[in-house]
Amino acid sequence: MSVPGAGAAVVLAGGSSRRFGSDKLAAELSGRSLLDRAVEGLPPGLTVLVVGPPRPLSRPARFLREDPPGGGPAAAMVTGLREALAAGAPTVLVLPGDAPHAGHAAGQLLRELVDSGAAAVVATDATGFDQPLQLALTRKAALALVEAAGVEGAHGGSARALVNRLDPPARRVALATEAHFDVDTPEQLQAWQLRNGAAVDAILAAADALGPHGRPVVIALDGRSAAGKSTLASAIVLRRTATVVAGRDFCSPRLAGLDVGARERLTDAEVVELVSDWRRLREDALEPLVGGHSARFVRHDRKPGQGHSADPLELSPSGLVVVEGVYSGRPELADLVDLAVHVGVDPEVRRRRSRARVGSGHAEWVRFLERGEDYYYSQVRTPAEFDLNVSGGGS
């Protein structure tokens, strides 16, 4: 669609990329940088204002920096809004530079702004949670945000709190997960790349072939540690609305209290039972979700030295439930799991991922987990016994 007047798009492209490990906006997606992918879907005719350090970009753009730098996304937004207003823009879009479909989403928000006559539009996710860095604003609303930021320009402030000060409030528009998915980690980048790949295609095709049977479809993504199960689950969510249950949240509460000696005295079968408390997984998560109800439970993390989380996690029901984790396809859950998928990956890739995940100081812990997995995948459920075998990616 064409942009009313000479509109502007403020692209938030600062940040340190600490979780990614390098400049995530320069990461390649199908031959283009992540930042390029973010802006490619923007409507034509916009002045593109990128708030962040200069980077190569295929689309003409002006690069700005907040003063002082490092003030956070709210300060970056205000910097861009000030520049857009100074240039006389009648409408302003705000989008994150680390979301591959942010430009396409911005176009959706602009259409809603024009069609509804609202002063401002903010994106929400499928649960109704606002995405305050994805906005379409009239000039009046943009001015209001700049004024609300005050002389400090929202330095160190909250973008959510700033947007919530709009009066009247921004019109809320639900977007598909793909439209607001952002990349903070290499795993999230890989999930984006896998979303239209052979593994996700095969899993969804197999799930669809099950046909309607009066309750949510449950997919178990099973496989050894660091095979890529959680990444594959994220890729599925980019294609379908789904509730994801993380198997790692259901280790036995006893595990955190065992020292090295106690772990070494366990049999391989006992390791499996401690790493995956299938009874809690069944009763606290799968049974409520299969029944169409919310699931609420306390998480017990299996990482070395970790115990239970203080705050219960609540998962909303949906028509598709994806439980991902080692042992998630175990026989005791077969009556609830409709499609058991074994996720495999090249052993060297998996070892590299595992070392990066737990660090060099936890070699004993890795051996402990491997004992249980060796037993389970040879004695309890071999890969050939699963409904489907897919690859968890090779990076």
Protein backbone atom coordinates (compact mmCIF):
# COMPACT_ATOMS: atom_id res chain seq x y z
CA MET A 1 0.00 0.00 0.00
CA SER A 2 1.13 3.58 -0.50
CA VAL A 3 2.03 5.67 2.54
CA PRO A 4 -0.15 8.69 3.37
CA GLY A 5 1.98 11.76 2.71
CA ALA A 6 5.68 11.26 3.33
CA GLY A 7 5.62 8.79 6.19
CA ALA A 8 8.61 7.48 8.08
CA ALA A 9 9.67 4.15 9.55
CA VAL A 10 11.78 4.09 12.72
CA VAL A 11 13.81 0.87 12.85
CA LEU A 12 15.26 0.01 16.26
CA ALA A 13 18.67 -1.50 15.60
CA GLY A 14 20.79 -0.82 18.67
CA GLY A 15 21.56 -3.23 21.48
CA SER A 16 24.65 -5.25 22.26
CA SER A 17 23.51 -8.70 20.98
CA ARG A 18 24.92 -10.27 24.16
CA ARG A 19 22.72 -13.36 23.96
CA PHE A 20 23.55 -13.87 20.29
CA GLY A 21 27.32 -13.66 20.75
CA SER A 22 27.93 -11.39 17.73
CA ASP A 23 26.09 -8.67 15.83
CA LYS A 24 22.79 -10.44 15.28
CA LEU A 25 21.54 -7.84 12.81
CA ALA A 26 24.40 -8.82 10.48
CA ALA A 27 23.49 -12.52 10.69
CA GLU A 28 22.62 -13.99 7.30
CA LEU A 29 19.13 -15.12 6.32
CA SER A 30 18.99 -16.52 2.77
CA GLY A 31 21.80 -14.30 1.57
CA ARG A 32 20.59 -11.12 3.29
CA SER A 33 21.27 -9.69 6.72
CA LEU A 34 18.64 -9.92 9.45
CA LEU A 35 18.29 -6.13 9.36
CA ASP A 36 17.71 -6.25 5.60
CA ARG A 37 15.01 -8.87 6.11
CA ALA A 38 13.34 -6.72 8.74
CA VAL A 39 12.95 -3.70 6.46
CA GLU A 40 12.29 -5.43 3.14
CA GLY A 41 8.54 -5.68 3.72
CA LEU A 42 8.05 -1.99 4.48
CA PRO A 43 5.63 -0.13 2.20
CA PRO A 44 7.28 1.92 -0.55
CA GLY A 45 7.68 5.68 -0.20
CA LEU A 46 8.80 5.69 3.43
CA THR A 47 11.76 7.53 4.85
CA VAL A 48 13.65 4.82 6.73
CA LEU A 49 15.35 5.96 9.95
CA VAL A 50 17.54 3.31 11.56
CA VAL A 51 18.45 3.98 15.19
CA GLY A 52 21.71 2.12 15.65
CA PRO A 53 25.26 1.94 14.28
CA PRO A 54 25.62 2.18 10.48
CA ARG A 55 25.39 -1.15 8.70
CA PRO A 56 25.11 -2.15 5.04
CA LEU A 57 21.49 -2.00 3.94
CA SER A 58 19.98 -2.59 0.51
CA ARG A 59 17.28 0.05 1.06
CA PRO A 60 18.13 3.78 1.37
CA ALA A 61 18.14 4.75 5.03
CA ARG A 62 19.47 7.30 7.50
CA PHE A 63 21.26 6.06 10.59
CA LEU A 64 20.81 7.81 13.94
CA ARG A 65 22.07 7.30 17.49
CA GLU A 66 20.36 8.23 20.71
CA ASP A 67 22.25 10.68 22.90
CA PRO A 68 23.77 9.31 25.04
CA PRO A 69 23.94 5.88 23.37
CA GLY A 70 22.82 2.76 25.17
CA GLY A 71 19.59 4.16 26.54
CA GLY A 72 17.49 1.16 25.56
CA PRO A 73 14.67 0.65 23.07
CA ALA A 74 12.42 3.37 24.52
CA ALA A 75 15.16 5.98 24.12
CA ALA A 76 15.91 4.72 20.61
CA MET A 77 12.23 4.99 19.72
CA VAL A 78 12.04 8.57 20.96
CA THR A 79 15.18 9.49 19.01
CA GLY A 80 13.64 8.15 15.82
CA LEU A 81 10.28 9.79 16.48
CA ARG A 82 11.92 13.17 16.99
CA GLU A 83 13.75 12.87 13.68
CA ALA A 84 10.60 11.73 11.85
CA LEU A 85 8.58 14.63 13.29
CA ALA A 86 11.30 17.14 12.41
CA ALA A 87 11.08 15.88 8.83
CA GLY A 88 7.32 16.53 8.82
CA ALA A 89 6.19 12.89 8.65
CA PRO A 90 2.38 12.63 8.99
CA THR A 91 2.57 8.96 9.99
CA VAL A 92 5.34 7.02 11.70
CA LEU A 93 5.93 3.27 11.91
CA VAL A 94 8.10 1.76 14.65
CA LEU A 95 9.60 -1.70 14.20
CA PRO A 96 12.37 -3.85 15.69
CA GLY A 97 15.34 -4.53 13.45
CA ASP A 98 15.76 -8.07 14.78
CA ALA A 99 12.36 -9.38 13.65
CA PRO A 100 12.56 -10.86 10.13
CA HIS A 101 8.94 -10.02 9.24
CA ALA A 102 8.80 -6.69 11.07
CA GLY A 103 8.44 -4.73 7.83
CA HIS A 104 5.50 -6.82 6.67
CA ALA A 105 3.90 -6.45 10.10
CA ALA A 106 4.40 -2.69 9.97
CA GLY A 107 2.47 -2.61 6.71
CA GLN A 108 -0.41 -4.44 8.41
CA LEU A 109 -0.41 -1.95 11.27
CA LEU A 110 -0.38 0.99 8.86
CA ARG A 111 -3.40 -0.38 7.02
CA GLU A 112 -5.23 -0.70 10.33
CA LEU A 113 -4.24 2.86 11.28
CA VAL A 114 -5.60 4.26 8.01
CA ASP A 115 -8.73 2.11 7.87
CA SER A 116 -9.76 2.55 11.51
CA GLY A 117 -8.97 6.24 11.91
CA ALA A 118 -7.21 5.47 15.21
CA ALA A 119 -4.47 7.74 16.51
CA ALA A 120 -2.13 4.81 17.21
CA VAL A 121 -2.01 1.06 16.64
CA VAL A 122 0.08 -1.46 18.60
CA ALA A 123 0.69 -5.11 17.73
CA THR A 124 -0.26 -7.90 20.12
CA ASP A 125 0.61 -11.59 20.11
CA ALA A 126 -1.88 -14.45 20.06
CA THR A 127 -2.36 -14.18 23.83
CA GLY A 128 -3.18 -10.47 23.66
CA PHE A 129 0.21 -9.36 25.04
CA ASP A 130 1.27 -6.01 23.61
CA GLN A 131 4.40 -5.70 21.46
CA PRO A 132 5.27 -2.05 22.20
CA LEU A 133 8.11 -1.88 19.65
CA GLN A 134 5.68 -2.52 16.78
CA LEU A 135 3.58 0.60 16.28
CA ALA A 136 1.81 2.71 13.69
CA LEU A 137 1.33 6.30 14.79
CA THR A 138 -0.31 9.44 13.51
CA ARG A 139 1.75 12.58 13.88
CA LYS A 140 -0.33 13.57 16.90
CA ALA A 141 0.35 10.26 18.67
CA ALA A 142 4.06 10.43 17.83
CA LEU A 143 4.21 13.93 19.34
CA ALA A 144 2.43 12.66 22.45
CA LEU A 145 5.04 9.93 22.95
CA VAL A 146 7.92 12.38 22.57
CA GLU A 147 6.31 14.73 25.07
CA ALA A 148 5.67 11.87 27.50
CA ALA A 149 9.35 10.89 27.30
CA GLY A 150 10.36 14.28 28.72
CA VAL A 151 13.73 15.94 28.53
CA GLU A 152 15.59 12.67 29.24
CA GLY A 153 14.04 11.08 26.15
CA ALA A 154 13.04 7.89 28.03
CA HIS A 155 16.72 7.00 28.56
CA GLY A 156 16.75 3.73 30.53
CA GLY A 157 12.96 3.68 30.57
CA SER A 158 10.36 1.14 29.55
CA ALA A 159 8.94 1.20 26.03
CA ARG A 160 5.81 -0.53 27.33
CA ALA A 161 5.25 2.10 30.02
CA LEU A 162 5.80 4.85 27.47
CA VAL A 163 3.31 3.45 24.96
CA ASN A 164 0.79 2.86 27.76
CA ARG A 165 0.72 6.63 28.36
CA LEU A 166 -1.00 7.27 25.04
CA ASP A 167 -4.43 8.86 25.45
CA PRO A 168 -6.55 7.54 23.86
CA PRO A 169 -4.84 4.15 24.18
CA ALA A 170 -3.39 2.57 21.05
CA ARG A 171 -5.72 0.32 19.11
CA ARG A 172 -4.56 -3.28 19.62
CA VAL A 173 -4.15 -5.54 16.59
CA ALA A 174 -3.33 -9.24 16.92
CA LEU A 175 -0.59 -10.47 14.59
CA ALA A 176 0.54 -13.98 13.75
CA THR A 177 3.55 -15.29 15.69
CA GLU A 178 5.66 -15.02 12.55
CA ALA A 179 4.96 -11.26 12.35
CA HIS A 180 6.40 -10.40 15.77
CA PHE A 181 9.01 -13.16 16.18
CA ASP A 182 12.36 -11.59 17.01
CA VAL A 183 15.84 -13.08 17.08
CA ASP A 184 17.90 -12.84 20.27
CA THR A 185 19.82 -16.13 20.10
CA PRO A 186 21.38 -18.35 17.44
CA GLU A 187 18.71 -20.95 18.25
CA GLN A 188 15.95 -18.47 17.41
CA LEU A 189 17.64 -17.67 14.13
CA GLN A 190 17.80 -21.38 13.35
CA ALA A 191 14.11 -21.78 14.27
CA TRP A 192 13.23 -19.13 11.73
CA GLN A 193 15.30 -20.90 9.09
CA LEU A 194 13.72 -24.29 9.91
CA ARG A 195 10.10 -23.12 9.94
CA ASN A 196 9.54 -23.95 6.26
CA GLY A 197 11.99 -26.84 6.16
CA ALA A 198 11.50 -30.54 5.58
CA ALA A 199 11.32 -31.48 9.28
CA VAL A 200 8.49 -29.08 10.12
CA ASP A 201 6.67 -29.95 6.88
CA ALA A 202 6.85 -33.66 7.73
CA ILE A 203 5.70 -33.20 11.33
CA LEU A 204 2.73 -31.00 10.43
CA ALA A 205 1.73 -33.27 7.55
CA ALA A 206 1.76 -36.28 9.87
CA ALA A 207 -0.25 -34.40 12.49
CA ASP A 208 -2.80 -33.29 9.90
CA ALA A 209 -3.13 -36.86 8.64
CA LEU A 210 -4.38 -37.91 12.07
CA GLY A 211 -7.64 -36.14 11.34
CA PRO A 212 -10.02 -34.60 13.92
CA HIS A 213 -10.54 -36.66 17.05
CA GLY A 214 -12.29 -34.33 19.46
CA ARG A 215 -9.32 -33.07 21.47
CA PRO A 216 -6.03 -31.26 21.00
CA VAL A 217 -3.35 -33.05 18.99
CA VAL A 218 -0.25 -33.80 21.06
CA ILE A 219 3.15 -34.03 19.37
CA ALA A 220 6.15 -35.29 21.34
CA LEU A 221 9.56 -34.15 20.11
CA ASP A 222 11.92 -36.66 21.71
CA GLY A 223 15.65 -37.10 21.18
CA ARG A 224 19.01 -36.82 22.85
CA SER A 225 20.18 -33.66 24.62
CA ALA A 226 21.10 -30.84 22.23
CA ALA A 227 19.53 -32.57 19.22
CA GLY A 228 17.53 -29.41 18.41
CA LYS A 229 14.13 -30.26 19.91
CA SER A 230 13.32 -26.88 21.45
CA THR A 231 14.46 -25.10 18.29
CA LEU A 232 12.22 -27.34 16.21
CA ALA A 233 9.31 -26.65 18.57
CA SER A 234 9.84 -22.91 18.06
CA ALA A 235 9.86 -23.47 14.30
CA ILE A 236 6.53 -25.30 14.52
CA VAL A 237 5.00 -22.42 16.46
CA LEU A 238 5.98 -20.10 13.62
CA ARG A 239 3.73 -22.18 11.38
CA ARG A 240 0.87 -23.10 13.71
CA THR A 241 -0.68 -21.82 16.91
CA ALA A 242 0.52 -24.27 19.54
CA THR A 243 1.16 -24.69 23.24
CA VAL A 244 4.74 -25.77 23.94
CA VAL A 245 5.55 -27.85 27.02
CA ALA A 246 9.28 -28.01 27.86
CA GLY A 247 10.21 -31.43 29.16
CA ARG A 248 13.24 -29.97 30.96
CA ASP A 249 10.80 -28.35 33.42
CA PHE A 250 9.78 -31.79 34.70
CA CYS A 251 12.87 -33.38 36.17
CA SER A 252 12.45 -34.98 39.57
CA PRO A 253 12.77 -32.58 42.53
CA ARG A 254 15.25 -35.08 43.99
CA LEU A 255 17.79 -34.45 41.26
CA ALA A 256 19.01 -31.06 42.51
CA GLY A 257 20.00 -32.54 45.89
CA LEU A 258 22.24 -35.32 44.55
CA ASP A 259 26.01 -34.86 44.63
CA VAL A 260 28.40 -36.47 42.16
CA GLY A 261 28.83 -39.60 44.24
CA ALA A 262 25.09 -40.12 44.60
CA ARG A 263 24.58 -39.69 40.89
CA GLU A 264 27.29 -42.22 40.10
CA ARG A 265 25.59 -44.84 42.29
CA LEU A 266 22.35 -44.61 40.33
CA THR A 267 21.49 -47.25 37.75
CA ASP A 268 20.95 -46.10 34.18
CA ALA A 269 17.21 -46.70 34.53
CA GLU A 270 17.17 -44.54 37.70
CA VAL A 271 18.88 -41.73 35.79
CA VAL A 272 16.01 -41.75 33.29
CA GLU A 273 13.43 -41.55 36.09
CA LEU A 274 15.16 -38.60 37.76
CA VAL A 275 15.80 -36.59 34.61
CA SER A 276 12.21 -37.00 33.44
CA ASP A 277 9.42 -37.13 36.02
CA TRP A 278 6.81 -38.39 33.58
CA ARG A 279 4.10 -38.55 36.23
CA ARG A 280 4.27 -34.80 36.87
CA LEU A 281 4.50 -34.12 33.15
CA ARG A 282 1.39 -36.20 32.62
CA GLU A 283 -0.71 -34.95 35.54
CA ASP A 284 0.34 -31.29 35.71
CA ALA A 285 0.66 -30.47 32.01
CA LEU A 286 -0.55 -32.97 29.44
CA GLU A 287 -3.80 -34.11 31.03
CA PRO A 288 -5.12 -30.57 31.63
CA LEU A 289 -4.09 -29.39 28.15
CA VAL A 290 -5.57 -32.44 26.42
CA GLY A 291 -8.77 -31.71 28.33
CA GLY A 292 -8.83 -28.17 26.97
CA HIS A 293 -7.80 -26.56 30.27
CA SER A 294 -4.87 -24.40 31.32
CA ALA A 295 -1.90 -26.15 32.90
CA ARG A 296 -0.21 -24.65 35.95
CA PHE A 297 2.90 -26.16 37.50
CA VAL A 298 6.18 -25.47 39.27
CA ARG A 299 9.19 -25.98 37.06
CA HIS A 300 12.09 -28.18 38.16
CA ASP A 301 15.08 -27.50 35.96
CA ARG A 302 17.60 -30.27 35.31
CA LYS A 303 20.60 -27.96 34.81
CA PRO A 304 23.52 -28.56 37.18
CA GLY A 305 22.89 -26.87 40.52
CA GLN A 306 19.35 -25.82 39.63
CA GLY A 307 16.22 -26.58 41.60
CA HIS A 308 12.62 -25.53 41.22
CA SER A 309 11.52 -22.12 40.05
CA ALA A 310 9.75 -19.90 42.56
CA ASP A 311 6.92 -18.85 40.28
CA PRO A 312 4.50 -21.37 38.78
CA LEU A 313 4.21 -21.40 35.01
CA GLU A 314 0.78 -21.35 33.41
CA LEU A 315 0.20 -22.61 29.86
CA SER A 316 -2.97 -21.85 27.93
CA PRO A 317 -4.67 -24.62 25.95
CA SER A 318 -4.74 -24.74 22.16
CA GLY A 319 -5.59 -27.19 19.43
CA LEU A 320 -1.97 -28.31 19.11
CA VAL A 321 0.29 -29.24 22.03
CA VAL A 322 4.01 -29.77 21.44
CA VAL A 323 5.93 -31.38 24.28
CA GLU A 324 9.65 -31.22 23.62
CA GLY A 325 12.40 -32.82 25.60
CA VAL A 326 14.40 -35.96 26.23
CA TYR A 327 12.03 -38.85 27.09
CA SER A 328 8.92 -36.90 26.06
CA GLY A 329 7.83 -39.84 23.90
CA ARG A 330 8.20 -42.45 26.61
CA PRO A 331 5.69 -45.34 26.61
CA GLU A 332 3.93 -44.19 29.79
CA LEU A 333 2.60 -41.17 27.89
CA ALA A 334 1.55 -43.04 24.74
CA ASP A 335 -2.18 -42.72 25.41
CA LEU A 336 -1.86 -38.92 25.42
CA VAL A 337 0.72 -38.48 22.65
CA ASP A 338 -0.70 -38.67 19.13
CA LEU A 339 2.56 -38.32 17.22
CA ALA A 340 5.91 -39.37 18.68
CA VAL A 341 8.81 -37.81 16.78
CA HIS A 342 12.46 -38.71 17.25
CA VAL A 343 14.75 -35.74 16.56
CA GLY A 344 18.24 -36.73 15.52
CA VAL A 345 21.34 -34.81 14.55
CA ASP A 346 24.94 -35.48 13.60
CA PRO A 347 26.76 -36.61 16.79
CA GLU A 348 29.53 -34.03 16.42
CA VAL A 349 27.01 -31.22 16.02
CA ARG A 350 25.20 -32.43 19.11
CA ARG A 351 28.42 -32.63 21.13
CA ARG A 352 29.33 -29.10 20.10
CA ARG A 353 25.91 -27.80 21.09
CA SER A 354 26.07 -29.67 24.39
CA ARG A 355 29.48 -28.23 25.29
CA ALA A 356 28.26 -24.72 24.49
CA ARG A 357 25.16 -25.24 26.61
CA VAL A 358 26.64 -26.56 29.86
CA GLY A 359 30.24 -25.28 29.65
CA SER A 360 33.55 -27.04 30.05
CA GLY A 361 33.21 -27.39 33.84
CA HIS A 362 30.35 -29.88 33.71
CA ALA A 363 31.85 -32.90 31.95
CA GLU A 364 30.61 -35.21 34.73
CA TRP A 365 27.07 -33.89 34.32
CA VAL A 366 27.15 -34.54 30.58
CA ARG A 367 28.32 -38.13 31.21
CA PHE A 368 25.50 -38.55 33.73
CA LEU A 369 22.89 -37.46 31.17
CA GLU A 370 24.46 -39.63 28.47
CA ARG A 371 24.11 -42.72 30.66
CA GLY A 372 20.38 -42.29 30.89
CA GLU A 373 20.01 -41.50 27.21
CA ASP A 374 22.10 -44.48 26.12
CA TYR A 375 19.86 -46.74 28.17
CA TYR A 376 16.56 -45.18 27.08
CA TYR A 377 17.25 -45.10 23.33
CA SER A 378 18.55 -48.67 23.31
CA GLN A 379 16.35 -50.40 25.91
CA VAL A 380 13.14 -48.38 26.31
CA ARG A 381 12.35 -46.79 22.96
CA THR A 382 14.71 -47.00 20.02
CA PRO A 383 14.56 -44.37 17.26
CA ALA A 384 13.01 -46.93 14.89
CA GLU A 385 10.02 -47.29 17.22
CA PHE A 386 8.93 -43.67 16.86
CA ASP A 387 6.18 -42.59 14.47
CA LEU A 388 8.54 -40.24 12.66
CA ASN A 389 12.27 -39.51 12.52
CA VAL A 390 13.45 -36.01 11.55
CA SER A 391 16.65 -33.97 11.68
CA GLY A 392 17.15 -31.22 14.23
CA GLY A 393 19.35 -29.21 11.88
CA GLY A 394 23.08 -29.29 11.36
CA SER A 395 24.46 -25.96 12.52
